[in-house]
Amino acid sequence: MKFAKLFIAAAALAAAPVVVHAQAAEVDLSVGATVIGNDGNAVGSIISNDGTTVVIDTGMHQVPLGADSFGQGETGPTINITKTALDEMVSAQLAEASAALEAALTVGAPVITYDAQELGMIDEIDGSNVIVKAADEQLVTLPLDMLALDANGQIMALANLADIQAALEAQAGG
């Protein structure tokens, strides 16, 4: 569900009041740096930075933020939100997304893969697993945490079709 968390957190923070700093190029966003919130307390540590998206581990969530969302304080990078507010916002977004996914999970609903390929239709919901029947009648069992809704509200497996097919072949012994 990591992808879903990142996607949801990014969407949540797009609406958050964040100050964009003109000196963004001068901000040290090194992995391991502690990010300070607008209350002067630590929000979390930077666990990755690809130059565009910086992921902060708050201890509760791993939150992706745009690199331009940070300022440079006396002790390192800063962000215009508190740890508590950030964690609450991400938790609320994850709960909302979970409820939406639960509502969408019905027998007969189509499922696509992360790379937007048709996987099949939900054949059965069995506790914490969803059984999808592909067009060739092959059954694919996915744990609930491997499913999310895409930006269009479509149920999506959080794996590419080729990876799912490779896992099925490996499971079948060949």
Protein backbone atom coordinates (compact mmCIF):
# COMPACT_ATOMS: atom_id res chain seq x y z
CA MET A 1 0.00 0.00 0.00
CA LYS A 2 3.07 2.16 -0.04
CA PHE A 3 2.21 3.64 -3.44
CA ALA A 4 -1.27 4.47 -2.26
CA LYS A 5 0.06 6.18 0.83
CA LEU A 6 2.48 8.23 -1.22
CA PHE A 7 -0.16 9.17 -3.76
CA ILE A 8 -2.67 10.13 -1.10
CA ALA A 9 -0.16 12.05 0.98
CA ALA A 10 0.96 14.02 -2.04
CA ALA A 11 -2.63 14.90 -2.82
CA ALA A 12 -3.29 15.87 0.78
CA LEU A 13 -0.31 18.14 0.91
CA ALA A 14 -1.20 19.82 -2.34
CA ALA A 15 -4.04 21.43 -0.42
CA ALA A 16 -1.97 22.19 2.68
CA PRO A 17 -0.81 25.71 3.44
CA VAL A 18 2.85 25.44 2.53
CA VAL A 19 5.20 28.34 2.03
CA VAL A 20 7.26 28.17 -1.14
CA HIS A 21 10.66 29.65 -0.54
CA ALA A 22 12.54 31.58 -3.19
CA GLN A 23 15.83 30.15 -2.02
CA ALA A 24 14.69 26.54 -2.62
CA ALA A 25 17.86 25.78 -4.56
CA GLU A 26 19.88 26.64 -1.43
CA VAL A 27 17.94 24.32 0.89
CA ASP A 28 19.92 21.29 2.06
CA LEU A 29 17.56 18.37 1.53
CA SER A 30 20.09 15.61 2.20
CA VAL A 31 18.90 12.15 3.15
CA GLY A 32 19.05 11.88 6.93
CA ALA A 33 18.44 15.58 7.57
CA THR A 34 15.86 16.44 10.22
CA VAL A 35 13.03 18.65 8.98
CA ILE A 36 11.76 21.26 11.43
CA GLY A 37 8.10 22.33 11.49
CA ASN A 38 6.68 25.82 11.88
CA ASP A 39 6.44 25.23 15.64
CA GLY A 40 10.21 24.75 15.94
CA ASN A 41 9.96 20.99 16.56
CA ALA A 42 11.11 18.10 14.41
CA VAL A 43 8.62 16.84 11.83
CA GLY A 44 10.74 13.90 10.69
CA SER A 45 13.81 12.82 8.77
CA ILE A 46 14.36 12.89 5.04
CA ILE A 47 14.54 9.30 3.75
CA SER A 48 14.75 10.04 0.03
CA ASN A 49 15.12 12.92 -2.40
CA ASP A 50 14.99 12.54 -6.17
CA GLY A 51 15.42 16.27 -6.76
CA THR A 52 11.68 16.84 -7.21
CA THR A 53 10.05 14.85 -4.41
CA VAL A 54 11.38 14.63 -0.88
CA VAL A 55 10.03 11.88 1.38
CA ILE A 56 9.92 12.58 5.11
CA ASP A 57 9.52 9.78 7.67
CA THR A 58 7.49 11.22 10.53
CA GLY A 59 7.58 7.98 12.48
CA MET A 60 3.91 7.45 11.63
CA HIS A 61 3.93 8.06 7.87
CA GLN A 62 6.34 8.37 4.97
CA VAL A 63 5.18 11.60 3.35
CA PRO A 64 6.22 12.81 -0.13
CA LEU A 65 6.52 16.56 -0.52
CA GLY A 66 7.65 18.75 -3.38
CA ALA A 67 11.25 19.89 -2.97
CA ASP A 68 10.03 23.47 -3.32
CA SER A 69 7.95 23.08 -0.13
CA PHE A 70 11.02 23.51 2.08
CA GLY A 71 12.87 26.48 3.43
CA GLN A 72 16.31 26.61 5.03
CA GLY A 73 16.36 27.31 8.75
CA GLU A 74 19.28 27.81 11.11
CA THR A 75 19.48 24.08 11.83
CA GLY A 76 18.43 22.66 8.46
CA PRO A 77 15.35 22.27 6.28
CA THR A 78 12.00 23.62 7.48
CA ILE A 79 8.39 23.17 6.45
CA ASN A 80 5.34 25.29 7.19
CA ILE A 81 3.38 22.62 9.09
CA THR A 82 3.73 20.77 12.40
CA LYS A 83 4.38 17.04 12.75
CA THR A 84 0.99 16.59 14.43
CA ALA A 85 -0.87 18.44 11.67
CA LEU A 86 0.98 16.54 8.94
CA ASP A 87 0.33 13.15 10.55
CA GLU A 88 -3.34 14.00 11.11
CA MET A 89 -3.77 15.16 7.52
CA VAL A 90 -2.15 12.04 6.06
CA SER A 91 -4.10 9.74 8.41
CA ALA A 92 -7.37 11.39 7.37
CA GLN A 93 -6.52 11.03 3.68
CA LEU A 94 -5.55 7.37 4.11
CA ALA A 95 -8.80 6.65 5.99
CA GLU A 96 -10.81 8.35 3.24
CA ALA A 97 -8.99 6.38 0.54
CA SER A 98 -9.47 3.13 2.43
CA ALA A 99 -13.21 3.76 2.76
CA ALA A 100 -13.48 4.59 -0.94
CA LEU A 101 -11.62 1.40 -1.89
CA GLU A 102 -13.80 -0.68 0.43
CA ALA A 103 -16.91 0.78 -1.20
CA ALA A 104 -15.57 0.03 -4.70
CA LEU A 105 -14.67 -3.59 -3.94
CA THR A 106 -17.65 -5.50 -5.27
CA VAL A 107 -17.96 -8.75 -7.17
CA GLY A 108 -17.84 -7.99 -10.88
CA ALA A 109 -15.83 -4.77 -10.53
CA PRO A 110 -12.97 -4.46 -13.06
CA VAL A 111 -9.37 -4.40 -11.85
CA ILE A 112 -6.42 -2.91 -13.72
CA THR A 113 -2.71 -3.15 -13.02
CA TYR A 114 -0.32 -0.38 -12.04
CA ASP A 115 0.71 -0.07 -15.68
CA ALA A 116 -2.98 0.35 -16.69
CA GLN A 117 -3.43 -3.15 -18.16
CA GLU A 118 -6.70 -5.03 -17.67
CA LEU A 119 -6.25 -7.72 -15.02
CA GLY A 120 -9.83 -8.99 -14.82
CA MET A 121 -13.00 -8.76 -12.74
CA ILE A 122 -13.41 -9.35 -9.02
CA ASP A 123 -14.73 -12.88 -8.68
CA GLU A 124 -14.73 -13.14 -4.89
CA ILE A 125 -13.75 -11.21 -1.78
CA ASP A 126 -12.36 -13.62 0.78
CA GLY A 127 -11.44 -11.89 4.03
CA SER A 128 -8.22 -9.99 3.42
CA ASN A 129 -7.87 -11.30 -0.15
CA VAL A 130 -9.55 -10.41 -3.41
CA ILE A 131 -9.81 -13.05 -6.12
CA VAL A 132 -9.74 -11.63 -9.64
CA LYS A 133 -10.80 -13.70 -12.66
CA ALA A 134 -8.85 -12.81 -15.79
CA ALA A 135 -10.34 -12.99 -19.30
CA ASP A 136 -8.67 -16.42 -19.74
CA GLU A 137 -10.49 -17.62 -16.56
CA GLN A 138 -7.23 -17.69 -14.57
CA LEU A 139 -7.75 -16.71 -10.95
CA VAL A 140 -5.40 -14.20 -9.33
CA THR A 141 -5.52 -13.79 -5.55
CA LEU A 142 -4.34 -10.42 -4.29
CA PRO A 143 -4.14 -9.23 -0.68
CA LEU A 144 -6.24 -6.14 0.00
CA ASP A 145 -3.11 -4.07 0.71
CA MET A 146 -2.04 -4.64 -2.91
CA LEU A 147 -5.10 -2.74 -4.16
CA ALA A 148 -5.86 0.96 -4.37
CA LEU A 149 -8.00 3.31 -6.40
CA ASP A 150 -6.27 5.17 -9.22
CA ALA A 151 -6.88 8.84 -9.97
CA ASN A 152 -10.03 7.89 -11.92
CA GLY A 153 -11.49 5.77 -9.12
CA GLN A 154 -10.64 2.48 -10.88
CA ILE A 155 -9.52 -0.45 -8.71
CA MET A 156 -5.82 -0.93 -9.36
CA ALA A 157 -3.41 -3.69 -8.37
CA LEU A 158 -0.20 -2.13 -7.11
CA ALA A 159 1.96 -4.19 -9.47
CA ASN A 160 2.60 -4.27 -13.19
CA LEU A 161 0.92 -6.97 -15.27
CA ALA A 162 4.28 -8.55 -16.17
CA ASP A 163 5.20 -8.81 -12.48
CA ILE A 164 1.85 -10.42 -11.62
CA GLN A 165 2.21 -12.89 -14.48
CA ALA A 166 5.77 -13.73 -13.42
CA ALA A 167 4.59 -14.36 -9.84
CA LEU A 168 1.81 -16.64 -11.10
CA GLU A 169 4.27 -18.58 -13.26
CA ALA A 170 6.69 -18.92 -10.35
CA GLN A 171 3.87 -20.10 -8.09
CA ALA A 172 2.85 -22.69 -10.70
CA GLY A 173 6.44 -23.92 -10.79
CA GLY A 174 7.42 -22.79 -14.18
